[in-house]
Amino acid sequence: MNQHYLTHAKEQPHSCEVCGKAFLLKKSFNLHYLIHTKQKPYSCEVCGKAFSRKNDLNQHYLTHTEGKPHSCDVCGKKFSRKSSLNLHYLKLKRSLVP
């Protein structure tokens, strides 16, 4: 209940001493702080690549399991993330504009 109240109060009691960014939740702050410490506690069992966030590892793992559900309508290239496909479309659009 107290945590829910903070969302309405706009308070962000956890602030980063390195960059000053503030967070409502301690968990969010801890994830953010990994950026500054360069710690990467999550590693891929297939290739060994390491990540600071578990979600990034999960997205990476799709590259090994052929989990690329997003494909370009123009060239057919496949992507594991929708955001990567959108970036690809943006690059295509820029290359076509004189």
N, C-alpha and C. Protein backbone atom coordinates (compact mmCIF):
# COMPACT_ATOMS: atom_id res chain seq x y z
N MET A 1 0.83 -1.19 0.00
CA MET A 1 0.00 0.00 0.00
C MET A 1 0.87 1.26 0.00
N ASN A 2 1.90 1.28 0.83
CA ASN A 2 2.79 2.43 0.91
C ASN A 2 3.48 2.66 -0.43
N GLN A 3 3.91 1.58 -1.09
CA GLN A 3 4.56 1.68 -2.38
C GLN A 3 3.59 2.24 -3.42
N HIS A 4 2.33 1.79 -3.38
CA HIS A 4 1.32 2.28 -4.30
C HIS A 4 1.08 3.78 -4.10
N TYR A 5 1.07 4.22 -2.87
CA TYR A 5 0.88 5.64 -2.57
C TYR A 5 1.98 6.47 -3.22
N LEU A 6 3.20 5.97 -3.20
CA LEU A 6 4.32 6.71 -3.78
C LEU A 6 4.14 6.98 -5.27
N THR A 7 3.45 6.08 -5.97
CA THR A 7 3.23 6.30 -7.40
C THR A 7 2.38 7.54 -7.64
N HIS A 8 1.47 7.82 -6.72
CA HIS A 8 0.62 9.01 -6.86
C HIS A 8 1.32 10.26 -6.31
N ALA A 9 2.19 10.08 -5.36
CA ALA A 9 2.87 11.22 -4.74
C ALA A 9 4.04 11.71 -5.59
N LYS A 10 4.38 10.95 -6.64
CA LYS A 10 5.49 11.31 -7.54
C LYS A 10 6.84 11.35 -6.84
N GLU A 11 6.94 10.72 -5.70
CA GLU A 11 8.22 10.67 -4.99
C GLU A 11 9.08 9.57 -5.60
N GLN A 12 10.37 9.83 -5.65
CA GLN A 12 11.33 8.85 -6.13
C GLN A 12 12.49 8.83 -5.15
N PRO A 13 12.35 8.04 -4.09
CA PRO A 13 13.30 8.09 -2.98
C PRO A 13 14.68 7.48 -3.24
N HIS A 14 14.84 6.75 -4.34
CA HIS A 14 16.13 6.11 -4.61
C HIS A 14 16.82 6.83 -5.76
N SER A 15 17.89 7.56 -5.46
CA SER A 15 18.58 8.29 -6.51
C SER A 15 20.01 7.79 -6.68
N CYS A 16 20.46 7.82 -7.92
CA CYS A 16 21.79 7.34 -8.29
C CYS A 16 22.82 8.42 -7.95
N GLU A 17 23.81 8.04 -7.18
CA GLU A 17 24.85 9.00 -6.79
C GLU A 17 25.83 9.29 -7.93
N VAL A 18 25.80 8.46 -8.97
CA VAL A 18 26.71 8.66 -10.10
C VAL A 18 26.13 9.65 -11.11
N CYS A 19 24.86 9.44 -11.51
CA CYS A 19 24.28 10.28 -12.55
C CYS A 19 23.08 11.11 -12.10
N GLY A 20 22.58 10.84 -10.89
CA GLY A 20 21.47 11.63 -10.36
C GLY A 20 20.08 11.16 -10.73
N LYS A 21 19.97 10.14 -11.57
CA LYS A 21 18.65 9.63 -11.95
C LYS A 21 17.96 9.06 -10.72
N ALA A 22 16.64 9.33 -10.59
CA ALA A 22 15.89 8.90 -9.41
C ALA A 22 14.87 7.82 -9.77
N PHE A 23 14.59 6.95 -8.78
CA PHE A 23 13.70 5.82 -9.00
C PHE A 23 12.73 5.67 -7.85
N LEU A 24 11.53 5.23 -8.18
CA LEU A 24 10.51 4.95 -7.18
C LEU A 24 10.86 3.68 -6.42
N LEU A 25 11.26 2.65 -7.15
CA LEU A 25 11.52 1.34 -6.55
C LEU A 25 13.01 1.06 -6.40
N LYS A 26 13.37 0.46 -5.31
CA LYS A 26 14.76 0.08 -5.05
C LYS A 26 15.23 -0.93 -6.11
N LYS A 27 14.33 -1.82 -6.52
CA LYS A 27 14.65 -2.82 -7.54
C LYS A 27 15.06 -2.14 -8.85
N SER A 28 14.33 -1.11 -9.24
CA SER A 28 14.64 -0.38 -10.46
C SER A 28 15.98 0.33 -10.34
N PHE A 29 16.24 0.90 -9.17
CA PHE A 29 17.52 1.56 -8.94
C PHE A 29 18.66 0.55 -9.05
N ASN A 30 18.50 -0.62 -8.45
CA ASN A 30 19.55 -1.64 -8.49
C ASN A 30 19.86 -2.07 -9.92
N LEU A 31 18.83 -2.23 -10.74
CA LEU A 31 19.04 -2.58 -12.15
C LEU A 31 19.79 -1.46 -12.87
N HIS A 32 19.41 -0.23 -12.61
CA HIS A 32 20.07 0.92 -13.22
C HIS A 32 21.53 0.99 -12.83
N TYR A 33 21.82 0.76 -11.57
CA TYR A 33 23.18 0.93 -11.06
C TYR A 33 24.17 -0.03 -11.72
N LEU A 34 23.68 -1.15 -12.23
CA LEU A 34 24.55 -2.09 -12.93
C LEU A 34 25.20 -1.45 -14.15
N ILE A 35 24.56 -0.44 -14.72
CA ILE A 35 25.14 0.28 -15.86
C ILE A 35 26.48 0.90 -15.46
N HIS A 36 26.53 1.47 -14.28
CA HIS A 36 27.73 2.16 -13.83
C HIS A 36 28.81 1.20 -13.33
N THR A 37 28.40 0.08 -12.76
CA THR A 37 29.38 -0.87 -12.21
C THR A 37 29.91 -1.82 -13.27
N LYS A 38 29.27 -1.83 -14.43
CA LYS A 38 29.66 -2.70 -15.54
C LYS A 38 29.49 -4.18 -15.21
N GLN A 39 28.73 -4.49 -14.15
CA GLN A 39 28.49 -5.88 -13.79
C GLN A 39 27.49 -6.50 -14.76
N LYS A 40 27.78 -7.73 -15.15
CA LYS A 40 26.90 -8.46 -16.06
C LYS A 40 26.69 -9.86 -15.49
N PRO A 41 25.75 -9.99 -14.55
CA PRO A 41 25.56 -11.26 -13.86
C PRO A 41 24.82 -12.34 -14.65
N TYR A 42 24.24 -11.99 -15.80
CA TYR A 42 23.48 -12.96 -16.58
C TYR A 42 24.25 -13.32 -17.85
N SER A 43 24.59 -14.60 -18.01
CA SER A 43 25.35 -14.99 -19.20
C SER A 43 24.63 -16.09 -19.97
N CYS A 44 24.83 -16.06 -21.27
CA CYS A 44 24.20 -17.01 -22.18
C CYS A 44 24.88 -18.38 -22.05
N GLU A 45 24.08 -19.41 -21.88
CA GLU A 45 24.60 -20.77 -21.75
C GLU A 45 25.14 -21.30 -23.08
N VAL A 46 24.71 -20.70 -24.18
CA VAL A 46 25.13 -21.17 -25.50
C VAL A 46 26.47 -20.57 -25.92
N CYS A 47 26.59 -19.24 -25.83
CA CYS A 47 27.80 -18.59 -26.34
C CYS A 47 28.62 -17.86 -25.28
N GLY A 48 28.08 -17.70 -24.08
CA GLY A 48 28.82 -17.05 -23.01
C GLY A 48 28.70 -15.54 -22.93
N LYS A 49 28.01 -14.91 -23.88
CA LYS A 49 27.85 -13.46 -23.84
C LYS A 49 27.12 -13.06 -22.56
N ALA A 50 27.60 -11.99 -21.91
CA ALA A 50 27.05 -11.59 -20.61
C ALA A 50 26.22 -10.32 -20.73
N PHE A 51 25.23 -10.21 -19.82
CA PHE A 51 24.30 -9.09 -19.82
C PHE A 51 24.06 -8.61 -18.40
N SER A 52 23.76 -7.33 -18.26
CA SER A 52 23.47 -6.78 -16.93
C SER A 52 22.02 -7.01 -16.55
N ARG A 53 21.14 -7.20 -17.53
CA ARG A 53 19.72 -7.41 -17.23
C ARG A 53 19.25 -8.76 -17.79
N LYS A 54 18.42 -9.44 -17.03
CA LYS A 54 17.92 -10.75 -17.43
C LYS A 54 17.07 -10.66 -18.70
N ASN A 55 16.31 -9.59 -18.84
CA ASN A 55 15.49 -9.41 -20.03
C ASN A 55 16.35 -9.35 -21.29
N ASP A 56 17.50 -8.69 -21.20
CA ASP A 56 18.40 -8.61 -22.35
C ASP A 56 18.94 -10.00 -22.71
N LEU A 57 19.24 -10.81 -21.69
CA LEU A 57 19.69 -12.18 -21.94
C LEU A 57 18.58 -12.98 -22.63
N ASN A 58 17.35 -12.83 -22.16
CA ASN A 58 16.24 -13.55 -22.77
C ASN A 58 16.06 -13.17 -24.24
N GLN A 59 16.18 -11.88 -24.54
CA GLN A 59 16.08 -11.44 -25.93
C GLN A 59 17.23 -12.00 -26.76
N HIS A 60 18.44 -12.01 -26.19
CA HIS A 60 19.61 -12.54 -26.89
C HIS A 60 19.44 -14.03 -27.18
N TYR A 61 18.90 -14.74 -26.22
CA TYR A 61 18.75 -16.19 -26.36
C TYR A 61 17.91 -16.56 -27.58
N LEU A 62 16.99 -15.69 -27.95
CA LEU A 62 16.17 -15.94 -29.13
C LEU A 62 17.01 -16.06 -30.40
N THR A 63 18.17 -15.42 -30.42
CA THR A 63 19.03 -15.51 -31.61
C THR A 63 19.57 -16.92 -31.80
N HIS A 64 19.66 -17.69 -30.74
CA HIS A 64 20.14 -19.07 -30.83
C HIS A 64 19.02 -20.05 -31.13
N THR A 65 17.81 -19.70 -30.82
CA THR A 65 16.68 -20.61 -31.00
C THR A 65 15.86 -20.26 -32.25
N GLU A 66 16.43 -19.44 -33.10
CA GLU A 66 15.76 -19.00 -34.33
C GLU A 66 14.45 -18.29 -34.02
N GLY A 67 14.37 -17.67 -32.87
CA GLY A 67 13.18 -16.94 -32.47
C GLY A 67 13.19 -15.53 -33.01
N LYS A 68 13.05 -15.39 -34.30
CA LYS A 68 13.03 -14.07 -34.92
C LYS A 68 11.69 -13.89 -35.63
N PRO A 69 10.67 -13.56 -34.86
CA PRO A 69 9.31 -13.49 -35.42
C PRO A 69 9.00 -12.24 -36.24
N HIS A 70 9.88 -11.24 -36.20
CA HIS A 70 9.60 -9.97 -36.88
C HIS A 70 10.43 -9.90 -38.16
N SER A 71 9.76 -9.83 -39.31
CA SER A 71 10.50 -9.79 -40.57
C SER A 71 10.14 -8.56 -41.39
N CYS A 72 11.12 -8.10 -42.14
CA CYS A 72 10.98 -6.91 -42.98
C CYS A 72 10.15 -7.26 -44.22
N ASP A 73 9.15 -6.43 -44.52
CA ASP A 73 8.31 -6.63 -45.70
C ASP A 73 9.06 -6.30 -46.99
N VAL A 74 10.15 -5.53 -46.87
CA VAL A 74 10.89 -5.09 -48.04
C VAL A 74 11.95 -6.12 -48.45
N CYS A 75 12.80 -6.51 -47.49
CA CYS A 75 13.93 -7.38 -47.84
C CYS A 75 13.86 -8.78 -47.21
N GLY A 76 12.96 -8.98 -46.25
CA GLY A 76 12.83 -10.30 -45.64
C GLY A 76 13.72 -10.57 -44.45
N LYS A 77 14.60 -9.63 -44.12
CA LYS A 77 15.48 -9.82 -42.96
C LYS A 77 14.64 -9.99 -41.70
N LYS A 78 15.09 -10.90 -40.81
CA LYS A 78 14.32 -11.20 -39.61
C LYS A 78 15.00 -10.64 -38.36
N PHE A 79 14.16 -10.29 -37.38
CA PHE A 79 14.63 -9.69 -36.14
C PHE A 79 13.93 -10.33 -34.95
N SER A 80 14.67 -10.43 -33.84
CA SER A 80 14.08 -10.98 -32.62
C SER A 80 13.27 -9.93 -31.87
N ARG A 81 13.59 -8.66 -32.08
CA ARG A 81 12.88 -7.58 -31.40
C ARG A 81 12.13 -6.71 -32.40
N LYS A 82 10.93 -6.32 -32.02
CA LYS A 82 10.13 -5.42 -32.85
C LYS A 82 10.85 -4.08 -33.00
N SER A 83 11.51 -3.63 -31.94
CA SER A 83 12.23 -2.35 -31.99
C SER A 83 13.37 -2.39 -33.00
N SER A 84 14.02 -3.55 -33.15
CA SER A 84 15.09 -3.68 -34.14
C SER A 84 14.54 -3.61 -35.55
N LEU A 85 13.38 -4.21 -35.76
CA LEU A 85 12.73 -4.12 -37.07
C LEU A 85 12.36 -2.68 -37.38
N ASN A 86 11.82 -1.95 -36.39
CA ASN A 86 11.46 -0.55 -36.60
C ASN A 86 12.68 0.29 -36.94
N LEU A 87 13.81 0.03 -36.28
CA LEU A 87 15.05 0.74 -36.59
C LEU A 87 15.51 0.42 -38.01
N HIS A 88 15.38 -0.84 -38.41
CA HIS A 88 15.72 -1.26 -39.76
C HIS A 88 14.88 -0.49 -40.79
N TYR A 89 13.57 -0.39 -40.53
CA TYR A 89 12.69 0.36 -41.43
C TYR A 89 13.11 1.83 -41.52
N LEU A 90 13.49 2.40 -40.39
CA LEU A 90 13.93 3.79 -40.37
C LEU A 90 15.18 3.98 -41.23
N LYS A 91 16.12 3.04 -41.11
CA LYS A 91 17.34 3.12 -41.93
C LYS A 91 17.03 2.96 -43.41
N LEU A 92 16.10 2.06 -43.73
CA LEU A 92 15.69 1.90 -45.13
C LEU A 92 15.08 3.19 -45.66
N LYS A 93 14.22 3.80 -44.86
CA LYS A 93 13.55 5.04 -45.27
C LYS A 93 14.57 6.15 -45.51
N ARG A 94 15.55 6.25 -44.62
CA ARG A 94 16.59 7.29 -44.76
C ARG A 94 17.44 7.06 -46.00
N SER A 95 17.69 5.79 -46.34
CA SER A 95 18.52 5.51 -47.51
C SER A 95 17.78 5.82 -48.81
N LEU A 96 16.46 5.86 -48.77
CA LEU A 96 15.67 6.15 -49.96
C LEU A 96 15.43 7.64 -50.17
N VAL A 97 15.57 8.43 -49.10
CA VAL A 97 15.35 9.87 -49.19
C VAL A 97 16.62 10.54 -49.70
N PRO A 98 16.49 11.34 -50.79
CA PRO A 98 17.69 12.00 -51.36
C PRO A 98 18.23 13.10 -50.48
